[in-house]
Amino acid sequence: MAFLFDLKALVDMMSIGTLLAYSLVATCVLILRYQPCLTYEQPKYSPEKAALAASERESVVSESQIDMIQKKHFSLQTLINPSSFPTEQTSTTVNFLVGLLACLVCGLSVLTTYGTHFIANLEPWSICLLAVLVMSFIVTILLIQRQPQNQQKVAFMVPLLPFLPSFSILVNIYLMVQLSGDTWIRFSIWMALGFLIYFAYGIRHSLEGHRSEGDDDSCSENSGLQEKNPLEEVDEPENANESDRFLAHERTSEC
């Protein structure tokens, strides 16, 4: 590729793709940490554990329903003083705030990139716009920080949330804005072709989708087998009694 095309254009294409991927990762970290629940791989079937998990789920659902009834209508009070644990309302609030944060970062990056001359000349409109964007950016981060986080522990958790992911989004988008317009045009065409291939062919022939369907089938088969296990456990004592009788009869005949 470097032999056939301009090296700078290839480097810019690689840079814009990498920066966009890092921005999406930071955004997903912000969104997922404030979700009401996360799904993990379920352990092997156990009746006691299943009953305990079901009771815990019922208690969590009942608490979340009570909280949703109490705070059904969105208000400034619920935004500043949310519930102590994540709910659907708090996760929706975080989703909206993260989207607003991305828009503010884009505006701030464009202003500091293409409006540097006006800011250096202390133009009133540029200074006011810069101050509004910076203050809105800080307030949005603080509002996200007020929302309750999911307390489930995983192998690795990003520290300093939401400040570190927000700073990562700011740096990545600012570096993306620094790239030339030709790079953005090439990247837009490349992404359009990728979306066309994915939605026309890839989404219908996804190996991950077929694998999930196979997992669902295997889960249903396992549940059927697990339903049969109690019957087998009931039959086992009878078989054991018959074998004991047979062995006892053999011993008495030998004697």
C-alpha atoms as a PDB file:
ATOM      1  CA  MET A   1       0.000   0.000   0.000  1.00  0.00           C
ATOM      2  CA  ALA A   2       2.847   2.420   0.787  1.00  0.00           C
ATOM      3  CA  PHE A   3       4.389   1.606  -2.626  1.00  0.00           C
ATOM      4  CA  LEU A   4       1.158   2.360  -4.500  1.00  0.00           C
ATOM      5  CA  PHE A   5      -0.223   5.333  -2.559  1.00  0.00           C
ATOM      6  CA  ASP A   6       1.014   8.454  -0.845  1.00  0.00           C
ATOM      7  CA  LEU A   7       2.580   7.560   2.491  1.00  0.00           C
ATOM      8  CA  LYS A   8       1.236  10.638   4.281  1.00  0.00           C
ATOM      9  CA  ALA A   9      -2.316   9.858   3.150  1.00  0.00           C
ATOM     10  CA  LEU A  10      -1.993   6.290   4.462  1.00  0.00           C
ATOM     11  CA  VAL A  11      -0.607   7.488   7.799  1.00  0.00           C
ATOM     12  CA  ASP A  12      -3.445   9.990   8.156  1.00  0.00           C
ATOM     13  CA  MET A  13      -6.007   7.293   7.356  1.00  0.00           C
ATOM     14  CA  MET A  14      -4.476   4.998   9.964  1.00  0.00           C
ATOM     15  CA  SER A  15      -4.394   7.831  12.504  1.00  0.00           C
ATOM     16  CA  ILE A  16      -8.018   8.879  12.066  1.00  0.00           C
ATOM     17  CA  GLY A  17      -9.215   5.276  12.342  1.00  0.00           C
ATOM     18  CA  THR A  18      -7.172   4.611  15.467  1.00  0.00           C
ATOM     19  CA  LEU A  19      -8.246   7.848  17.140  1.00  0.00           C
ATOM     20  CA  LEU A  20     -11.906   7.140  16.362  1.00  0.00           C
ATOM     21  CA  ALA A  21     -11.581   3.639  17.828  1.00  0.00           C
ATOM     22  CA  TYR A  22     -10.022   5.003  21.035  1.00  0.00           C
ATOM     23  CA  SER A  23     -12.780   7.617  21.292  1.00  0.00           C
ATOM     24  CA  LEU A  24     -15.453   4.932  20.961  1.00  0.00           C
ATOM     25  CA  VAL A  25     -13.756   2.795  23.621  1.00  0.00           C
ATOM     26  CA  ALA A  26     -13.663   5.726  26.060  1.00  0.00           C
ATOM     27  CA  THR A  27     -17.327   6.482  25.310  1.00  0.00           C
ATOM     28  CA  CYS A  28     -18.335   2.859  25.885  1.00  0.00           C
ATOM     29  CA  VAL A  29     -16.453   2.830  29.204  1.00  0.00           C
ATOM     30  CA  LEU A  30     -18.497   5.827  30.335  1.00  0.00           C
ATOM     31  CA  ILE A  31     -21.790   4.297  29.226  1.00  0.00           C
ATOM     32  CA  LEU A  32     -21.257   0.741  30.492  1.00  0.00           C
ATOM     33  CA  ARG A  33     -20.037   1.715  33.945  1.00  0.00           C
ATOM     34  CA  TYR A  34     -23.369   3.423  34.697  1.00  0.00           C
ATOM     35  CA  GLN A  35     -25.668   0.670  33.447  1.00  0.00           C
ATOM     36  CA  PRO A  36     -28.031  -0.909  36.013  1.00  0.00           C
ATOM     37  CA  CYS A  37     -26.687  -4.425  35.417  1.00  0.00           C
ATOM     38  CA  LEU A  38     -24.035  -6.221  33.377  1.00  0.00           C
ATOM     39  CA  THR A  39     -24.316  -9.730  31.928  1.00  0.00           C
ATOM     40  CA  TYR A  40     -21.605 -12.270  32.625  1.00  0.00           C
ATOM     41  CA  GLU A  41     -21.138 -15.920  31.779  1.00  0.00           C
ATOM     42  CA  GLN A  42     -23.501 -17.992  33.893  1.00  0.00           C
ATOM     43  CA  PRO A  43     -21.988 -20.748  36.096  1.00  0.00           C
ATOM     44  CA  LYS A  44     -22.954 -24.401  35.868  1.00  0.00           C
ATOM     45  CA  TYR A  45     -26.517 -25.238  36.794  1.00  0.00           C
ATOM     46  CA  SER A  46     -27.229 -25.737  40.479  1.00  0.00           C
ATOM     47  CA  PRO A  47     -30.759 -25.688  41.949  1.00  0.00           C
ATOM     48  CA  GLU A  48     -29.672 -23.926  45.155  1.00  0.00           C
ATOM     49  CA  LYS A  49     -27.668 -21.269  43.298  1.00  0.00           C
ATOM     50  CA  ALA A  50     -30.454 -20.789  40.759  1.00  0.00           C
ATOM     51  CA  ALA A  51     -33.033 -20.253  43.510  1.00  0.00           C
ATOM     52  CA  LEU A  52     -30.723 -17.828  45.332  1.00  0.00           C
ATOM     53  CA  ALA A  53     -30.016 -15.880  42.126  1.00  0.00           C
ATOM     54  CA  ALA A  54     -33.734 -15.724  41.323  1.00  0.00           C
ATOM     55  CA  SER A  55     -34.524 -14.331  44.776  1.00  0.00           C
ATOM     56  CA  GLU A  56     -31.744 -11.742  44.430  1.00  0.00           C
ATOM     57  CA  ARG A  57     -33.021 -10.709  40.990  1.00  0.00           C
ATOM     58  CA  GLU A  58     -36.548 -10.330  42.359  1.00  0.00           C
ATOM     59  CA  SER A  59     -35.318  -8.140  45.207  1.00  0.00           C
ATOM     60  CA  VAL A  60     -33.255  -5.965  42.855  1.00  0.00           C
ATOM     61  CA  VAL A  61     -36.163  -5.639  40.417  1.00  0.00           C
ATOM     62  CA  SER A  62     -38.554  -4.716  43.207  1.00  0.00           C
ATOM     63  CA  GLU A  63     -36.167  -2.056  44.538  1.00  0.00           C
ATOM     64  CA  SER A  64     -35.629  -0.625  41.053  1.00  0.00           C
ATOM     65  CA  GLN A  65     -39.394  -0.573  40.429  1.00  0.00           C
ATOM     66  CA  ILE A  66     -39.976   1.289  43.686  1.00  0.00           C
ATOM     67  CA  ASP A  67     -37.267   3.773  42.790  1.00  0.00           C
ATOM     68  CA  MET A  68     -38.696   4.269  39.299  1.00  0.00           C
ATOM     69  CA  ILE A  69     -42.161   4.901  40.747  1.00  0.00           C
ATOM     70  CA  GLN A  70     -40.784   7.421  43.193  1.00  0.00           C
ATOM     71  CA  LYS A  71     -38.685   9.182  40.539  1.00  0.00           C
ATOM     72  CA  LYS A  72     -40.671   8.647  37.412  1.00  0.00           C
ATOM     73  CA  HIS A  73     -40.547  12.236  36.198  1.00  0.00           C
ATOM     74  CA  PHE A  74     -37.174  13.669  35.250  1.00  0.00           C
ATOM     75  CA  SER A  75     -36.228  16.830  37.123  1.00  0.00           C
ATOM     76  CA  LEU A  76     -33.182  18.835  38.109  1.00  0.00           C
ATOM     77  CA  GLN A  77     -33.379  17.368  41.597  1.00  0.00           C
ATOM     78  CA  THR A  78     -33.067  13.796  40.282  1.00  0.00           C
ATOM     79  CA  LEU A  79     -30.178  14.916  38.075  1.00  0.00           C
ATOM     80  CA  ILE A  80     -28.196  16.406  40.950  1.00  0.00           C
ATOM     81  CA  ASN A  81     -29.283  13.916  43.644  1.00  0.00           C
ATOM     82  CA  PRO A  82     -29.923  10.601  41.880  1.00  0.00           C
ATOM     83  CA  SER A  83     -30.659   7.250  43.489  1.00  0.00           C
ATOM     84  CA  SER A  84     -27.954   5.346  45.331  1.00  0.00           C
ATOM     85  CA  PHE A  85     -27.838   2.497  42.791  1.00  0.00           C
ATOM     86  CA  PRO A  86     -28.061   2.507  38.969  1.00  0.00           C
ATOM     87  CA  THR A  87     -31.505   2.472  37.356  1.00  0.00           C
ATOM     88  CA  GLU A  88     -32.865   2.818  33.850  1.00  0.00           C
ATOM     89  CA  GLN A  89     -33.408   6.522  34.455  1.00  0.00           C
ATOM     90  CA  THR A  90     -29.825   7.150  35.603  1.00  0.00           C
ATOM     91  CA  SER A  91     -28.388   5.149  32.699  1.00  0.00           C
ATOM     92  CA  THR A  92     -30.528   7.124  30.238  1.00  0.00           C
ATOM     93  CA  THR A  93     -29.324  10.333  31.860  1.00  0.00           C
ATOM     94  CA  VAL A  94     -25.697   9.238  31.471  1.00  0.00           C
ATOM     95  CA  ASN A  95     -26.284   8.316  27.821  1.00  0.00           C
ATOM     96  CA  PHE A  96     -27.666  11.799  27.157  1.00  0.00           C
ATOM     97  CA  LEU A  97     -24.815  13.477  29.058  1.00  0.00           C
ATOM     98  CA  VAL A  98     -22.178  11.458  27.188  1.00  0.00           C
ATOM     99  CA  GLY A  99     -23.733  12.483  23.865  1.00  0.00           C
ATOM    100  CA  LEU A 100     -23.759  16.099  25.003  1.00  0.00           C
ATOM    101  CA  LEU A 101     -20.137  15.727  26.117  1.00  0.00           C
ATOM    102  CA  ALA A 102     -19.131  14.478  22.653  1.00  0.00           C
ATOM    103  CA  CYS A 103     -20.865  17.442  20.985  1.00  0.00           C
ATOM    104  CA  LEU A 104     -19.165  19.897  23.349  1.00  0.00           C
ATOM    105  CA  VAL A 105     -15.770  18.302  22.673  1.00  0.00           C
ATOM    106  CA  CYS A 106     -16.320  18.569  18.908  1.00  0.00           C
ATOM    107  CA  GLY A 107     -17.261  22.244  19.204  1.00  0.00           C
ATOM    108  CA  LEU A 108     -14.337  22.965  21.500  1.00  0.00           C
ATOM    109  CA  SER A 109     -11.894  21.177  19.180  1.00  0.00           C
ATOM    110  CA  VAL A 110     -13.148  22.997  16.094  1.00  0.00           C
ATOM    111  CA  LEU A 111     -13.004  26.363  17.860  1.00  0.00           C
ATOM    112  CA  THR A 112      -9.465  25.861  19.199  1.00  0.00           C
ATOM    113  CA  THR A 113      -8.270  24.573  15.803  1.00  0.00           C
ATOM    114  CA  TYR A 114      -9.829  26.983  13.320  1.00  0.00           C
ATOM    115  CA  GLY A 115     -10.565  29.930  15.628  1.00  0.00           C
ATOM    116  CA  THR A 116      -7.130  30.314  17.158  1.00  0.00           C
ATOM    117  CA  HIS A 117      -6.599  33.613  15.326  1.00  0.00           C
ATOM    118  CA  PHE A 118      -9.796  35.095  16.764  1.00  0.00           C
ATOM    119  CA  ILE A 119      -8.967  33.862  20.274  1.00  0.00           C
ATOM    120  CA  ALA A 120      -5.435  35.292  20.026  1.00  0.00           C
ATOM    121  CA  ASN A 121      -6.898  38.663  18.995  1.00  0.00           C
ATOM    122  CA  LEU A 122      -9.260  38.506  21.993  1.00  0.00           C
ATOM    123  CA  GLU A 123     -12.398  38.707  19.882  1.00  0.00           C
ATOM    124  CA  PRO A 124     -15.351  38.974  22.312  1.00  0.00           C
ATOM    125  CA  TRP A 125     -17.494  36.345  20.600  1.00  0.00           C
ATOM    126  CA  SER A 126     -14.669  33.797  20.499  1.00  0.00           C
ATOM    127  CA  ILE A 127     -13.767  34.327  24.158  1.00  0.00           C
ATOM    128  CA  CYS A 128     -17.415  34.027  25.231  1.00  0.00           C
ATOM    129  CA  LEU A 129     -17.946  30.916  23.116  1.00  0.00           C
ATOM    130  CA  LEU A 130     -14.767  29.334  24.464  1.00  0.00           C
ATOM    131  CA  ALA A 131     -15.805  30.079  28.059  1.00  0.00           C
ATOM    132  CA  VAL A 132     -19.302  28.657  27.496  1.00  0.00           C
ATOM    133  CA  LEU A 133     -17.921  25.455  25.935  1.00  0.00           C
ATOM    134  CA  VAL A 134     -15.336  24.933  28.687  1.00  0.00           C
ATOM    135  CA  MET A 135     -17.838  25.547  31.478  1.00  0.00           C
ATOM    136  CA  SER A 136     -20.420  23.277  29.850  1.00  0.00           C
ATOM    137  CA  PHE A 137     -17.762  20.582  29.447  1.00  0.00           C
ATOM    138  CA  ILE A 138     -16.826  20.760  33.139  1.00  0.00           C
ATOM    139  CA  VAL A 139     -20.454  20.826  34.334  1.00  0.00           C
ATOM    140  CA  THR A 140     -21.315  17.815  32.139  1.00  0.00           C
ATOM    141  CA  ILE A 141     -18.431  15.802  33.605  1.00  0.00           C
ATOM    142  CA  LEU A 142     -19.513  16.701  37.135  1.00  0.00           C
ATOM    143  CA  LEU A 143     -23.112  15.677  36.403  1.00  0.00           C
ATOM    144  CA  ILE A 144     -21.901  12.321  35.057  1.00  0.00           C
ATOM    145  CA  GLN A 145     -19.776  11.906  38.170  1.00  0.00           C
ATOM    146  CA  ARG A 146     -22.887  12.406  40.340  1.00  0.00           C
ATOM    147  CA  GLN A 147     -24.669   9.399  38.806  1.00  0.00           C
ATOM    148  CA  PRO A 148     -24.395   6.012  40.591  1.00  0.00           C
ATOM    149  CA  GLN A 149     -21.958   3.492  39.160  1.00  0.00           C
ATOM    150  CA  ASN A 150     -22.404  -0.245  38.814  1.00  0.00           C
ATOM    151  CA  GLN A 151     -20.712  -1.964  41.774  1.00  0.00           C
ATOM    152  CA  GLN A 152     -20.011  -5.285  40.070  1.00  0.00           C
ATOM    153  CA  LYS A 153     -16.302  -6.085  40.039  1.00  0.00           C
ATOM    154  CA  VAL A 154     -14.524  -7.236  36.882  1.00  0.00           C
ATOM    155  CA  ALA A 155     -10.926  -8.120  36.062  1.00  0.00           C
ATOM    156  CA  PHE A 156      -9.956  -4.540  35.138  1.00  0.00           C
ATOM    157  CA  MET A 157     -11.774  -1.265  35.761  1.00  0.00           C
ATOM    158  CA  VAL A 158     -10.671   2.115  34.393  1.00  0.00           C
ATOM    159  CA  PRO A 159      -9.709   4.417  37.272  1.00  0.00           C
ATOM    160  CA  LEU A 160     -10.670   8.076  37.752  1.00  0.00           C
ATOM    161  CA  LEU A 161     -14.070   7.769  36.122  1.00  0.00           C
ATOM    162  CA  PRO A 162     -15.448   9.888  34.433  1.00  0.00           C
ATOM    163  CA  PHE A 163     -12.457  12.251  34.252  1.00  0.00           C
ATOM    164  CA  LEU A 164      -9.966   9.957  32.504  1.00  0.00           C
ATOM    165  CA  PRO A 165     -12.327   8.756  29.700  1.00  0.00           C
ATOM    166  CA  SER A 166     -13.569  12.324  29.167  1.00  0.00           C
ATOM    167  CA  PHE A 167     -10.021  13.596  28.833  1.00  0.00           C
ATOM    168  CA  SER A 168      -9.279  10.744  26.410  1.00  0.00           C
ATOM    169  CA  ILE A 169     -12.273  11.720  24.249  1.00  0.00           C
ATOM    170  CA  LEU A 170     -11.147  15.350  24.283  1.00  0.00           C
ATOM    171  CA  VAL A 171      -7.576  14.542  23.191  1.00  0.00           C
ATOM    172  CA  ASN A 172      -8.587  12.036  20.508  1.00  0.00           C
ATOM    173  CA  ILE A 173     -11.235  14.237  18.897  1.00  0.00           C
ATOM    174  CA  TYR A 174      -8.917  17.238  19.019  1.00  0.00           C
ATOM    175  CA  LEU A 175      -6.238  15.252  17.169  1.00  0.00           C
ATOM    176  CA  MET A 176      -8.817  14.056  14.638  1.00  0.00           C
ATOM    177  CA  VAL A 177      -9.862  17.650  13.922  1.00  0.00           C
ATOM    178  CA  GLN A 178      -6.215  18.493  13.220  1.00  0.00           C
ATOM    179  CA  LEU A 179      -6.215  16.176  10.188  1.00  0.00           C
ATOM    180  CA  SER A 180      -6.814  17.528   6.703  1.00  0.00           C
ATOM    181  CA  GLY A 181     -10.140  17.673   4.907  1.00  0.00           C
ATOM    182  CA  ASP A 182      -8.944  15.169   2.273  1.00  0.00           C
ATOM    183  CA  THR A 183      -8.380  12.629   5.028  1.00  0.00           C
ATOM    184  CA  TRP A 184     -11.928  13.136   6.301  1.00  0.00           C
ATOM    185  CA  ILE A 185     -13.328  12.695   2.789  1.00  0.00           C
ATOM    186  CA  ARG A 186     -11.352   9.465   2.250  1.00  0.00           C
ATOM    187  CA  PHE A 187     -12.350   8.210   5.673  1.00  0.00           C
ATOM    188  CA  SER A 188     -16.042   8.977   5.051  1.00  0.00           C
ATOM    189  CA  ILE A 189     -15.994   7.072   1.741  1.00  0.00           C
ATOM    190  CA  TRP A 190     -14.168   4.147   3.357  1.00  0.00           C
ATOM    191  CA  MET A 191     -16.657   4.004   6.244  1.00  0.00           C
ATOM    192  CA  ALA A 192     -19.620   4.218   3.842  1.00  0.00           C
ATOM    193  CA  LEU A 193     -18.268   1.220   1.902  1.00  0.00           C
ATOM    194  CA  GLY A 194     -17.712  -0.665   5.156  1.00  0.00           C
ATOM    195  CA  PHE A 195     -21.254   0.009   6.378  1.00  0.00           C
ATOM    196  CA  LEU A 196     -22.656  -1.040   2.992  1.00  0.00           C
ATOM    197  CA  ILE A 197     -20.797  -4.363   3.097  1.00  0.00           C
ATOM    198  CA  TYR A 198     -21.718  -4.978   6.728  1.00  0.00           C
ATOM    199  CA  PHE A 199     -25.444  -4.241   6.513  1.00  0.00           C
ATOM    200  CA  ALA A 200     -25.833  -5.899   3.095  1.00  0.00           C
ATOM    201  CA  TYR A 201     -23.882  -9.091   3.823  1.00  0.00           C
ATOM    202  CA  GLY A 202     -21.958  -9.244   7.105  1.00  0.00           C
ATOM    203  CA  ILE A 203     -24.813  -8.870   9.593  1.00  0.00           C
ATOM    204  CA  ARG A 204     -26.691 -11.788   7.999  1.00  0.00           C
ATOM    205  CA  HIS A 205     -23.661 -14.108   7.824  1.00  0.00           C
ATOM    206  CA  SER A 206     -22.071 -13.285  11.170  1.00  0.00           C
ATOM    207  CA  LEU A 207     -20.287 -16.220  12.805  1.00  0.00           C
ATOM    208  CA  GLU A 208     -20.910 -14.623  16.197  1.00  0.00           C
ATOM    209  CA  GLY A 209     -24.643 -14.524  15.502  1.00  0.00           C
ATOM    210  CA  HIS A 210     -24.698 -18.198  14.487  1.00  0.00           C
ATOM    211  CA  ARG A 211     -22.626 -19.054  17.562  1.00  0.00           C
ATOM    212  CA  SER A 212     -25.111 -17.290  19.849  1.00  0.00           C
ATOM    213  CA  GLU A 213     -27.977 -19.180  18.226  1.00  0.00           C
ATOM    214  CA  GLY A 214     -26.089 -22.424  18.790  1.00  0.00           C
ATOM    215  CA  ASP A 215     -25.516 -21.501  22.429  1.00  0.00           C
ATOM    216  CA  ASP A 216     -29.258 -20.886  22.854  1.00  0.00           C
ATOM    217  CA  ASP A 217     -30.024 -24.316  21.383  1.00  0.00           C
ATOM    218  CA  SER A 218     -27.466 -26.001  23.623  1.00  0.00           C
ATOM    219  CA  CYS A 219     -28.891 -24.174  26.648  1.00  0.00           C
ATOM    220  CA  SER A 220     -32.373 -25.457  25.812  1.00  0.00           C
ATOM    221  CA  GLU A 221     -31.009 -29.017  25.435  1.00  0.00           C
ATOM    222  CA  ASN A 222     -29.169 -28.732  28.734  1.00  0.00           C
ATOM    223  CA  SER A 223     -32.311 -27.496  30.438  1.00  0.00           C
ATOM    224  CA  GLY A 224     -34.160 -30.524  29.066  1.00  0.00           C
ATOM    225  CA  LEU A 225     -31.475 -32.808  30.412  1.00  0.00           C
ATOM    226  CA  GLN A 226     -31.558 -31.037  33.745  1.00  0.00           C
ATOM    227  CA  GLU A 227     -35.305 -31.567  33.897  1.00  0.00           C
ATOM    228  CA  LYS A 228     -34.752 -35.281  33.432  1.00  0.00           C
ATOM    229  CA  ASN A 229     -32.109 -35.527  36.139  1.00  0.00           C
ATOM    230  CA  PRO A 230     -34.535 -35.598  39.107  1.00  0.00           C
ATOM    231  CA  LEU A 231     -36.319 -38.596  37.581  1.00  0.00           C
ATOM    232  CA  GLU A 232     -33.020 -40.369  37.178  1.00  0.00           C
ATOM    233  CA  GLU A 233     -32.164 -39.559  40.783  1.00  0.00           C
ATOM    234  CA  VAL A 234     -35.491 -41.078  41.883  1.00  0.00           C
ATOM    235  CA  ASP A 235     -34.839 -44.244  39.872  1.00  0.00           C
ATOM    236  CA  GLU A 236     -31.320 -44.727  41.202  1.00  0.00           C
ATOM    237  CA  PRO A 237     -32.335 -45.895  44.731  1.00  0.00           C
ATOM    238  CA  GLU A 238     -34.697 -48.473  43.244  1.00  0.00           C
ATOM    239  CA  ASN A 239     -31.909 -49.822  41.016  1.00  0.00           C
ATOM    240  CA  ALA A 240     -29.578 -49.870  43.994  1.00  0.00           C
ATOM    241  CA  ASN A 241     -32.098 -51.847  46.047  1.00  0.00           C
ATOM    242  CA  GLU A 242     -32.551 -54.385  43.250  1.00  0.00           C
ATOM    243  CA  SER A 243     -28.787 -54.881  42.913  1.00  0.00           C
ATOM    244  CA  ASP A 244     -28.456 -55.317  46.673  1.00  0.00           C
ATOM    245  CA  ARG A 245     -31.185 -57.951  46.666  1.00  0.00           C
ATOM    246  CA  PHE A 246     -29.524 -59.756  43.766  1.00  0.00           C
ATOM    247  CA  LEU A 247     -26.148 -59.779  45.531  1.00  0.00           C
ATOM    248  CA  ALA A 248     -27.725 -60.937  48.789  1.00  0.00           C
ATOM    249  CA  HIS A 249     -29.517 -63.784  46.972  1.00  0.00           C
ATOM    250  CA  GLU A 250     -26.238 -64.832  45.317  1.00  0.00           C
ATOM    251  CA  ARG A 251     -24.418 -64.919  48.635  1.00  0.00           C
ATOM    252  CA  THR A 252     -27.146 -66.973  50.354  1.00  0.00           C
ATOM    253  CA  SER A 253     -27.198 -69.461  47.461  1.00  0.00           C
ATOM    254  CA  GLU A 254     -23.412 -69.826  47.665  1.00  0.00           C
ATOM    255  CA  CYS A 255     -23.616 -70.442  51.353  1.00  0.00           C
END
